[in-house]
Amino acid sequence: MANFFKNAFEDMKESAKAQHEVDKSNFEAARAESKAKFAETKSRNSLAAHKAAEQAKREEAIALAKERTAQAQARIDAVRGGGEA
């Protein structure tokens, strides 16, 4: 009977150590993720990053407008070409 308890307590000790390692790893991962999120937020809020993001939005809007203009011109050309034939 004493051997049973000895083995049970040894198993509990090993299990506690293993769980501690899991908890320690999870804590480190959460800490690293938090640091990364803070760094991303900090860099995103800088003036240079804001200007670059706004410029990228403007360039995308210009590209979309040019594409719409080209499509409209193609429709106009199709109607004019089809009406004259």
N, C-alpha and C. Protein backbone atom coordinates (compact mmCIF):
# COMPACT_ATOMS: atom_id res chain seq x y z
N MET A 1 0.81 -1.18 0.00
CA MET A 1 0.00 0.00 0.00
C MET A 1 0.86 1.26 0.00
N ALA A 2 1.96 1.22 0.72
CA ALA A 2 2.85 2.37 0.80
C ALA A 2 3.45 2.65 -0.57
N ASN A 3 3.74 1.59 -1.33
CA ASN A 3 4.29 1.74 -2.67
C ASN A 3 3.28 2.43 -3.60
N PHE A 4 2.00 2.12 -3.42
CA PHE A 4 0.94 2.74 -4.21
C PHE A 4 0.93 4.25 -4.02
N PHE A 5 0.98 4.67 -2.76
CA PHE A 5 0.97 6.11 -2.46
C PHE A 5 2.25 6.78 -2.96
N LYS A 6 3.37 6.08 -2.82
CA LYS A 6 4.64 6.63 -3.29
C LYS A 6 4.57 6.88 -4.80
N ASN A 7 4.04 5.89 -5.54
CA ASN A 7 3.90 6.04 -6.99
C ASN A 7 2.89 7.13 -7.36
N ALA A 8 1.80 7.20 -6.61
CA ALA A 8 0.77 8.20 -6.88
C ALA A 8 1.32 9.61 -6.68
N PHE A 9 2.04 9.82 -5.57
CA PHE A 9 2.61 11.14 -5.32
C PHE A 9 3.70 11.49 -6.32
N GLU A 10 4.46 10.48 -6.75
CA GLU A 10 5.49 10.72 -7.76
C GLU A 10 4.83 11.14 -9.08
N ASP A 11 3.73 10.46 -9.44
CA ASP A 11 3.00 10.81 -10.65
C ASP A 11 2.43 12.23 -10.56
N MET A 12 1.90 12.58 -9.40
CA MET A 12 1.36 13.93 -9.22
C MET A 12 2.47 14.97 -9.34
N LYS A 13 3.63 14.65 -8.81
CA LYS A 13 4.77 15.57 -8.87
C LYS A 13 5.19 15.79 -10.33
N GLU A 14 5.29 14.72 -11.10
CA GLU A 14 5.66 14.81 -12.51
C GLU A 14 4.60 15.57 -13.30
N SER A 15 3.34 15.30 -12.99
CA SER A 15 2.25 15.98 -13.67
C SER A 15 2.28 17.48 -13.37
N ALA A 16 2.55 17.83 -12.13
CA ALA A 16 2.62 19.24 -11.75
C ALA A 16 3.77 19.94 -12.46
N LYS A 17 4.92 19.25 -12.58
CA LYS A 17 6.05 19.83 -13.29
C LYS A 17 5.71 20.05 -14.76
N ALA A 18 5.08 19.05 -15.37
CA ALA A 18 4.71 19.16 -16.78
C ALA A 18 3.71 20.30 -16.99
N GLN A 19 2.73 20.40 -16.10
CA GLN A 19 1.73 21.47 -16.21
C GLN A 19 2.38 22.84 -16.01
N HIS A 20 3.36 22.89 -15.12
CA HIS A 20 4.08 24.15 -14.90
C HIS A 20 4.80 24.58 -16.17
N GLU A 21 5.41 23.62 -16.87
CA GLU A 21 6.09 23.93 -18.13
C GLU A 21 5.10 24.44 -19.17
N VAL A 22 3.92 23.82 -19.24
CA VAL A 22 2.89 24.26 -20.18
C VAL A 22 2.45 25.68 -19.84
N ASP A 23 2.19 25.93 -18.56
CA ASP A 23 1.76 27.26 -18.13
C ASP A 23 2.85 28.31 -18.40
N LYS A 24 4.09 27.93 -18.14
CA LYS A 24 5.21 28.85 -18.37
C LYS A 24 5.32 29.18 -19.87
N SER A 25 5.18 28.18 -20.72
CA SER A 25 5.25 28.40 -22.17
C SER A 25 4.10 29.27 -22.65
N ASN A 26 2.89 29.01 -22.15
CA ASN A 26 1.73 29.82 -22.53
C ASN A 26 1.90 31.26 -22.08
N PHE A 27 2.44 31.46 -20.90
CA PHE A 27 2.67 32.82 -20.40
C PHE A 27 3.67 33.55 -21.28
N GLU A 28 4.75 32.89 -21.65
CA GLU A 28 5.76 33.51 -22.51
C GLU A 28 5.17 33.85 -23.87
N ALA A 29 4.33 32.96 -24.42
CA ALA A 29 3.70 33.22 -25.71
C ALA A 29 2.77 34.42 -25.62
N ALA A 30 1.97 34.49 -24.57
CA ALA A 30 1.05 35.62 -24.39
C ALA A 30 1.83 36.92 -24.21
N ARG A 31 2.92 36.84 -23.50
CA ARG A 31 3.75 38.03 -23.27
C ARG A 31 4.36 38.51 -24.58
N ALA A 32 4.86 37.58 -25.40
CA ALA A 32 5.45 37.95 -26.68
C ALA A 32 4.39 38.53 -27.62
N GLU A 33 3.21 37.93 -27.63
CA GLU A 33 2.12 38.45 -28.47
C GLU A 33 1.73 39.86 -28.05
N SER A 34 1.70 40.08 -26.75
CA SER A 34 1.35 41.41 -26.23
C SER A 34 2.40 42.44 -26.65
N LYS A 35 3.67 42.08 -26.56
CA LYS A 35 4.73 42.98 -26.98
C LYS A 35 4.63 43.29 -28.47
N ALA A 36 4.35 42.26 -29.26
CA ALA A 36 4.23 42.44 -30.71
C ALA A 36 3.06 43.36 -31.05
N LYS A 37 1.95 43.16 -30.38
CA LYS A 37 0.77 44.00 -30.62
C LYS A 37 1.07 45.45 -30.24
N PHE A 38 1.74 45.65 -29.12
CA PHE A 38 2.10 47.00 -28.70
C PHE A 38 3.02 47.66 -29.73
N ALA A 39 4.02 46.92 -30.20
CA ALA A 39 4.96 47.48 -31.17
C ALA A 39 4.26 47.81 -32.48
N GLU A 40 3.35 46.93 -32.92
CA GLU A 40 2.60 47.20 -34.15
C GLU A 40 1.73 48.44 -34.00
N THR A 41 1.06 48.55 -32.88
CA THR A 41 0.19 49.71 -32.64
C THR A 41 1.00 50.98 -32.57
N LYS A 42 2.13 50.92 -31.90
CA LYS A 42 3.00 52.09 -31.77
C LYS A 42 3.51 52.54 -33.13
N SER A 43 3.93 51.59 -33.96
CA SER A 43 4.46 51.97 -35.27
C SER A 43 3.35 52.44 -36.21
N ARG A 44 2.16 51.88 -36.05
CA ARG A 44 1.04 52.26 -36.91
C ARG A 44 0.58 53.68 -36.58
N ASN A 45 0.78 54.11 -35.35
CA ASN A 45 0.34 55.43 -34.94
C ASN A 45 1.38 56.52 -35.21
N SER A 46 2.49 56.17 -35.79
CA SER A 46 3.49 57.18 -36.09
C SER A 46 3.02 58.01 -37.29
N LEU A 47 3.49 59.21 -37.39
CA LEU A 47 3.08 60.12 -38.45
C LEU A 47 3.48 59.60 -39.82
N ALA A 48 4.69 59.09 -39.93
CA ALA A 48 5.17 58.58 -41.22
C ALA A 48 4.32 57.40 -41.69
N ALA A 49 3.98 56.51 -40.79
CA ALA A 49 3.16 55.36 -41.16
C ALA A 49 1.76 55.81 -41.56
N HIS A 50 1.24 56.80 -40.85
CA HIS A 50 -0.09 57.33 -41.19
C HIS A 50 -0.09 57.95 -42.59
N LYS A 51 0.94 58.73 -42.88
CA LYS A 51 1.04 59.35 -44.20
C LYS A 51 1.16 58.29 -45.30
N ALA A 52 1.96 57.26 -45.04
CA ALA A 52 2.13 56.20 -46.03
C ALA A 52 0.82 55.45 -46.27
N ALA A 53 0.08 55.19 -45.21
CA ALA A 53 -1.19 54.50 -45.34
C ALA A 53 -2.19 55.34 -46.12
N GLU A 54 -2.24 56.64 -45.82
CA GLU A 54 -3.15 57.53 -46.55
C GLU A 54 -2.76 57.61 -48.02
N GLN A 55 -1.47 57.68 -48.32
CA GLN A 55 -1.02 57.73 -49.71
C GLN A 55 -1.39 56.45 -50.44
N ALA A 56 -1.26 55.32 -49.78
CA ALA A 56 -1.62 54.04 -50.39
C ALA A 56 -3.13 54.00 -50.69
N LYS A 57 -3.94 54.53 -49.77
CA LYS A 57 -5.39 54.57 -50.01
C LYS A 57 -5.70 55.46 -51.21
N ARG A 58 -5.04 56.61 -51.30
CA ARG A 58 -5.28 57.51 -52.43
C ARG A 58 -4.89 56.87 -53.74
N GLU A 59 -3.74 56.21 -53.76
CA GLU A 59 -3.28 55.56 -54.99
C GLU A 59 -4.25 54.46 -55.42
N GLU A 60 -4.76 53.71 -54.45
CA GLU A 60 -5.74 52.66 -54.77
C GLU A 60 -7.01 53.27 -55.33
N ALA A 61 -7.48 54.37 -54.74
CA ALA A 61 -8.69 55.03 -55.23
C ALA A 61 -8.49 55.56 -56.64
N ILE A 62 -7.32 56.12 -56.93
CA ILE A 62 -7.03 56.62 -58.27
C ILE A 62 -7.01 55.47 -59.27
N ALA A 63 -6.39 54.36 -58.90
CA ALA A 63 -6.35 53.20 -59.80
C ALA A 63 -7.75 52.67 -60.09
N LEU A 64 -8.60 52.60 -59.07
CA LEU A 64 -9.97 52.15 -59.28
C LEU A 64 -10.74 53.11 -60.18
N ALA A 65 -10.55 54.41 -59.97
CA ALA A 65 -11.24 55.41 -60.80
C ALA A 65 -10.79 55.31 -62.25
N LYS A 66 -9.49 55.11 -62.48
CA LYS A 66 -8.99 54.97 -63.85
C LYS A 66 -9.55 53.71 -64.51
N GLU A 67 -9.66 52.65 -63.74
CA GLU A 67 -10.23 51.41 -64.28
C GLU A 67 -11.70 51.61 -64.66
N ARG A 68 -12.45 52.29 -63.81
CA ARG A 68 -13.87 52.56 -64.11
C ARG A 68 -13.99 53.44 -65.35
N THR A 69 -13.09 54.43 -65.48
CA THR A 69 -13.10 55.30 -66.65
C THR A 69 -12.83 54.50 -67.91
N ALA A 70 -11.87 53.61 -67.85
CA ALA A 70 -11.53 52.78 -69.01
C ALA A 70 -12.71 51.87 -69.39
N GLN A 71 -13.38 51.31 -68.39
CA GLN A 71 -14.54 50.46 -68.68
C GLN A 71 -15.66 51.28 -69.31
N ALA A 72 -15.90 52.46 -68.80
CA ALA A 72 -16.94 53.32 -69.35
C ALA A 72 -16.61 53.71 -70.79
N GLN A 73 -15.34 54.03 -71.04
CA GLN A 73 -14.93 54.40 -72.40
C GLN A 73 -15.10 53.21 -73.34
N ALA A 74 -14.82 52.02 -72.87
CA ALA A 74 -15.01 50.83 -73.69
C ALA A 74 -16.49 50.64 -74.03
N ARG A 75 -17.35 50.91 -73.06
CA ARG A 75 -18.80 50.81 -73.32
C ARG A 75 -19.23 51.87 -74.34
N ILE A 76 -18.67 53.08 -74.22
CA ILE A 76 -19.01 54.15 -75.16
C ILE A 76 -18.55 53.76 -76.56
N ASP A 77 -17.32 53.25 -76.66
CA ASP A 77 -16.78 52.83 -77.96
C ASP A 77 -17.61 51.70 -78.56
N ALA A 78 -18.09 50.78 -77.71
CA ALA A 78 -18.90 49.67 -78.21
C ALA A 78 -20.22 50.17 -78.77
N VAL A 79 -20.81 51.14 -78.09
CA VAL A 79 -22.10 51.69 -78.56
C VAL A 79 -21.89 52.48 -79.86
N ARG A 80 -20.88 53.28 -79.89
CA ARG A 80 -20.60 54.08 -81.11
C ARG A 80 -20.21 53.19 -82.28
N GLY A 81 -19.42 52.18 -82.01
CA GLY A 81 -19.01 51.26 -83.07
C GLY A 81 -20.18 50.44 -83.58
N GLY A 82 -21.07 50.02 -82.66
CA GLY A 82 -22.22 49.22 -83.04
C GLY A 82 -23.27 50.02 -83.76
N GLY A 83 -23.42 51.31 -83.46
CA GLY A 83 -24.42 52.16 -84.09
C GLY A 83 -24.04 52.56 -85.50
N GLU A 84 -22.73 52.68 -85.79
CA GLU A 84 -22.27 53.11 -87.10
C GLU A 84 -22.22 51.96 -88.08
N ALA A 85 -22.16 50.75 -87.63
CA ALA A 85 -21.99 49.60 -88.53
C ALA A 85 -23.22 49.24 -89.23
